[in-house]
Amino acid sequence: METKKEILRRLFTENDLVQEDVFKHQHYTIITRAGIDKIQARSSIRISYEVIECKPEFAVVKATAWADGKSIETFGSALKGDYKSGNCNTWYVMEMAEKRAMSRAVLKLAGFYELGIFGEDESESFKK
């Protein structure tokens, strides 16, 4: 049985991730946008999106992803505001919600999420 460290090493190798694709953030390991794009390409993950809500200051997007006979549904959201009242400091809330849904879907489907690995788009505080 593989340890968590061995599983992560295997997943990183299978997806051709390099040091620049990953960084440590306080309590989490974060994969950059470029790293997530690599994982999606290497794993042939396809994603479709459904807009759940779209307002100027708030958006929710549902992502359905599939590869190798597996599928997953997850969501991404963005709320314009500072760190006390929102989770996005840009007016591009729909695009941010989509990026968050995509990151989460790819990482969940590829097996990273269950190991505590997150995408840098999931939170403003996750930025390098």
C-alpha atoms as a PDB file:
ATOM      1  CA  MET A   1       0.000   0.000   0.000  1.00  0.00           C
ATOM      2  CA  GLU A   2       1.383   3.401  -1.020  1.00  0.00           C
ATOM      3  CA  THR A   3       1.934   6.117   1.544  1.00  0.00           C
ATOM      4  CA  LYS A   4       0.583   9.616   0.935  1.00  0.00           C
ATOM      5  CA  LYS A   5       4.103  10.775   0.066  1.00  0.00           C
ATOM      6  CA  GLU A   6       4.542   7.940  -2.452  1.00  0.00           C
ATOM      7  CA  ILE A   7       1.148   8.665  -4.052  1.00  0.00           C
ATOM      8  CA  LEU A   8       2.035  12.352  -4.407  1.00  0.00           C
ATOM      9  CA  ARG A   9       5.427  11.513  -5.903  1.00  0.00           C
ATOM     10  CA  ARG A  10       3.747   9.171  -8.419  1.00  0.00           C
ATOM     11  CA  LEU A  11       1.081  11.737  -9.340  1.00  0.00           C
ATOM     12  CA  PHE A  12       3.705  14.475  -9.774  1.00  0.00           C
ATOM     13  CA  THR A  13       5.798  12.197 -12.003  1.00  0.00           C
ATOM     14  CA  GLU A  14       2.820  10.986 -14.067  1.00  0.00           C
ATOM     15  CA  ASN A  15       1.784  14.580 -14.726  1.00  0.00           C
ATOM     16  CA  ASP A  16       5.293  15.924 -15.464  1.00  0.00           C
ATOM     17  CA  LEU A  17       5.050  18.483 -12.666  1.00  0.00           C
ATOM     18  CA  VAL A  18       8.230  20.377 -11.858  1.00  0.00           C
ATOM     19  CA  GLN A  19       9.232  22.559  -8.928  1.00  0.00           C
ATOM     20  CA  GLU A  20       7.817  25.711 -10.558  1.00  0.00           C
ATOM     21  CA  ASP A  21       4.365  24.070 -10.737  1.00  0.00           C
ATOM     22  CA  VAL A  22       4.070  23.710  -6.957  1.00  0.00           C
ATOM     23  CA  PHE A  23       4.652  25.818  -3.869  1.00  0.00           C
ATOM     24  CA  LYS A  24       4.028  25.594  -0.131  1.00  0.00           C
ATOM     25  CA  HIS A  25       1.547  27.954   1.474  1.00  0.00           C
ATOM     26  CA  GLN A  26       1.282  28.003   5.281  1.00  0.00           C
ATOM     27  CA  HIS A  27      -0.637  24.733   5.773  1.00  0.00           C
ATOM     28  CA  TYR A  28      -1.204  23.618   2.163  1.00  0.00           C
ATOM     29  CA  THR A  29       0.587  22.516  -0.960  1.00  0.00           C
ATOM     30  CA  ILE A  30      -0.574  24.604  -3.918  1.00  0.00           C
ATOM     31  CA  ILE A  31      -0.404  23.744  -7.620  1.00  0.00           C
ATOM     32  CA  THR A  32      -0.068  26.710  -9.965  1.00  0.00           C
ATOM     33  CA  ARG A  33      -2.376  27.392 -12.868  1.00  0.00           C
ATOM     34  CA  ALA A  34       0.265  26.052 -15.280  1.00  0.00           C
ATOM     35  CA  GLY A  35       0.527  22.861 -13.224  1.00  0.00           C
ATOM     36  CA  ILE A  36      -3.225  22.336 -13.308  1.00  0.00           C
ATOM     37  CA  ASP A  37      -3.216  22.842 -17.078  1.00  0.00           C
ATOM     38  CA  LYS A  38      -0.516  20.139 -17.340  1.00  0.00           C
ATOM     39  CA  ILE A  39      -2.569  17.731 -15.244  1.00  0.00           C
ATOM     40  CA  GLN A  40      -5.658  18.356 -17.362  1.00  0.00           C
ATOM     41  CA  ALA A  41      -3.727  17.755 -20.594  1.00  0.00           C
ATOM     42  CA  ARG A  42      -1.795  14.676 -19.371  1.00  0.00           C
ATOM     43  CA  SER A  43      -4.940  13.084 -17.954  1.00  0.00           C
ATOM     44  CA  SER A  44      -7.128  14.044 -20.962  1.00  0.00           C
ATOM     45  CA  ILE A  45      -9.680  15.616 -18.631  1.00  0.00           C
ATOM     46  CA  ARG A  46     -12.645  17.201 -20.376  1.00  0.00           C
ATOM     47  CA  ILE A  47     -14.800  19.750 -18.588  1.00  0.00           C
ATOM     48  CA  SER A  48     -18.186  21.289 -19.248  1.00  0.00           C
ATOM     49  CA  TYR A  49     -19.519  24.274 -17.333  1.00  0.00           C
ATOM     50  CA  GLU A  50     -22.945  25.416 -16.210  1.00  0.00           C
ATOM     51  CA  VAL A  51     -23.561  28.924 -14.918  1.00  0.00           C
ATOM     52  CA  ILE A  52     -25.527  28.646 -11.701  1.00  0.00           C
ATOM     53  CA  GLU A  53     -25.533  32.352 -10.865  1.00  0.00           C
ATOM     54  CA  CYS A  54     -23.955  35.376 -12.483  1.00  0.00           C
ATOM     55  CA  LYS A  55     -24.228  38.859 -11.030  1.00  0.00           C
ATOM     56  CA  PRO A  56     -21.764  41.740 -11.284  1.00  0.00           C
ATOM     57  CA  GLU A  57     -20.339  41.014  -7.828  1.00  0.00           C
ATOM     58  CA  PHE A  58     -21.031  37.266  -7.447  1.00  0.00           C
ATOM     59  CA  ALA A  59     -20.835  34.160  -9.636  1.00  0.00           C
ATOM     60  CA  VAL A  60     -21.171  30.404  -9.221  1.00  0.00           C
ATOM     61  CA  VAL A  61     -20.140  27.902 -11.888  1.00  0.00           C
ATOM     62  CA  LYS A  62     -20.700  24.143 -11.860  1.00  0.00           C
ATOM     63  CA  ALA A  63     -17.984  22.075 -13.544  1.00  0.00           C
ATOM     64  CA  THR A  64     -18.532  18.519 -14.732  1.00  0.00           C
ATOM     65  CA  ALA A  65     -15.278  16.781 -15.563  1.00  0.00           C
ATOM     66  CA  TRP A  66     -14.594  13.335 -16.947  1.00  0.00           C
ATOM     67  CA  ALA A  67     -11.684  11.116 -17.965  1.00  0.00           C
ATOM     68  CA  ASP A  68     -11.008   7.387 -18.112  1.00  0.00           C
ATOM     69  CA  GLY A  69     -14.595   6.425 -17.288  1.00  0.00           C
ATOM     70  CA  LYS A  70     -14.694   8.567 -14.140  1.00  0.00           C
ATOM     71  CA  SER A  71     -16.571  11.809 -13.661  1.00  0.00           C
ATOM     72  CA  ILE A  72     -16.982  14.450 -11.005  1.00  0.00           C
ATOM     73  CA  GLU A  73     -19.131  17.523 -10.455  1.00  0.00           C
ATOM     74  CA  THR A  74     -17.955  20.444  -8.374  1.00  0.00           C
ATOM     75  CA  PHE A  75     -18.454  24.185  -8.051  1.00  0.00           C
ATOM     76  CA  GLY A  76     -16.440  27.378  -8.082  1.00  0.00           C
ATOM     77  CA  SER A  77     -17.611  30.734  -6.813  1.00  0.00           C
ATOM     78  CA  ALA A  78     -16.320  34.266  -6.551  1.00  0.00           C
ATOM     79  CA  LEU A  79     -17.580  37.177  -4.469  1.00  0.00           C
ATOM     80  CA  LYS A  80     -16.121  40.623  -5.143  1.00  0.00           C
ATOM     81  CA  GLY A  81     -14.866  42.291  -2.002  1.00  0.00           C
ATOM     82  CA  ASP A  82     -11.996  42.613   0.402  1.00  0.00           C
ATOM     83  CA  TYR A  83     -10.806  39.666   2.481  1.00  0.00           C
ATOM     84  CA  LYS A  84     -13.458  40.319   5.142  1.00  0.00           C
ATOM     85  CA  SER A  85     -16.483  40.443   2.850  1.00  0.00           C
ATOM     86  CA  GLY A  86     -15.438  38.574  -0.289  1.00  0.00           C
ATOM     87  CA  ASN A  87     -13.020  36.070  -1.799  1.00  0.00           C
ATOM     88  CA  CYS A  88     -12.103  37.836  -5.025  1.00  0.00           C
ATOM     89  CA  ASN A  89     -10.495  41.235  -5.439  1.00  0.00           C
ATOM     90  CA  THR A  90     -11.277  41.623  -9.147  1.00  0.00           C
ATOM     91  CA  TRP A  91     -14.427  42.469 -11.062  1.00  0.00           C
ATOM     92  CA  TYR A  92     -13.888  39.383 -13.240  1.00  0.00           C
ATOM     93  CA  VAL A  93     -15.996  37.286 -10.883  1.00  0.00           C
ATOM     94  CA  MET A  94     -17.400  34.933 -13.557  1.00  0.00           C
ATOM     95  CA  GLU A  95     -13.943  34.154 -14.910  1.00  0.00           C
ATOM     96  CA  MET A  96     -12.616  33.608 -11.395  1.00  0.00           C
ATOM     97  CA  ALA A  97     -15.511  31.291 -10.540  1.00  0.00           C
ATOM     98  CA  GLU A  98     -14.807  29.300 -13.725  1.00  0.00           C
ATOM     99  CA  LYS A  99     -11.087  29.035 -12.923  1.00  0.00           C
ATOM    100  CA  ARG A 100     -11.876  27.845  -9.403  1.00  0.00           C
ATOM    101  CA  ALA A 101     -14.366  25.247 -10.656  1.00  0.00           C
ATOM    102  CA  MET A 102     -11.864  24.023 -13.252  1.00  0.00           C
ATOM    103  CA  SER A 103      -9.003  23.775 -10.746  1.00  0.00           C
ATOM    104  CA  ARG A 104     -11.122  21.897  -8.251  1.00  0.00           C
ATOM    105  CA  ALA A 105     -12.526  19.517 -10.884  1.00  0.00           C
ATOM    106  CA  VAL A 106      -9.098  18.664 -12.314  1.00  0.00           C
ATOM    107  CA  LEU A 107      -7.475  18.157  -8.923  1.00  0.00           C
ATOM    108  CA  LYS A 108     -10.360  16.040  -7.623  1.00  0.00           C
ATOM    109  CA  LEU A 109     -10.553  13.841 -10.713  1.00  0.00           C
ATOM    110  CA  ALA A 110      -6.774  13.355 -10.839  1.00  0.00           C
ATOM    111  CA  GLY A 111      -6.567  12.343  -7.160  1.00  0.00           C
ATOM    112  CA  PHE A 112      -4.731  15.387  -5.788  1.00  0.00           C
ATOM    113  CA  TYR A 113      -7.561  16.986  -3.831  1.00  0.00           C
ATOM    114  CA  GLU A 114      -8.040  14.075  -1.454  1.00  0.00           C
ATOM    115  CA  LEU A 115      -4.365  14.401  -0.539  1.00  0.00           C
ATOM    116  CA  GLY A 116      -4.754  18.045   0.502  1.00  0.00           C
ATOM    117  CA  ILE A 117      -3.388  19.636  -2.677  1.00  0.00           C
ATOM    118  CA  PHE A 118      -5.197  22.781  -3.841  1.00  0.00           C
ATOM    119  CA  GLY A 119      -5.087  25.087  -6.856  1.00  0.00           C
ATOM    120  CA  GLU A 120      -3.775  28.626  -6.605  1.00  0.00           C
ATOM    121  CA  ASP A 121      -7.032  29.996  -8.072  1.00  0.00           C
ATOM    122  CA  GLU A 122      -9.163  28.631  -5.233  1.00  0.00           C
ATOM    123  CA  SER A 123      -8.378  31.491  -2.880  1.00  0.00           C
ATOM    124  CA  GLU A 124      -6.795  34.912  -3.163  1.00  0.00           C
ATOM    125  CA  SER A 125      -4.710  33.942  -0.123  1.00  0.00           C
ATOM    126  CA  PHE A 126      -3.252  30.985  -2.093  1.00  0.00           C
ATOM    127  CA  LYS A 127      -1.404  33.245  -4.525  1.00  0.00           C
ATOM    128  CA  LYS A 128       2.370  32.924  -4.509  1.00  0.00           C
END
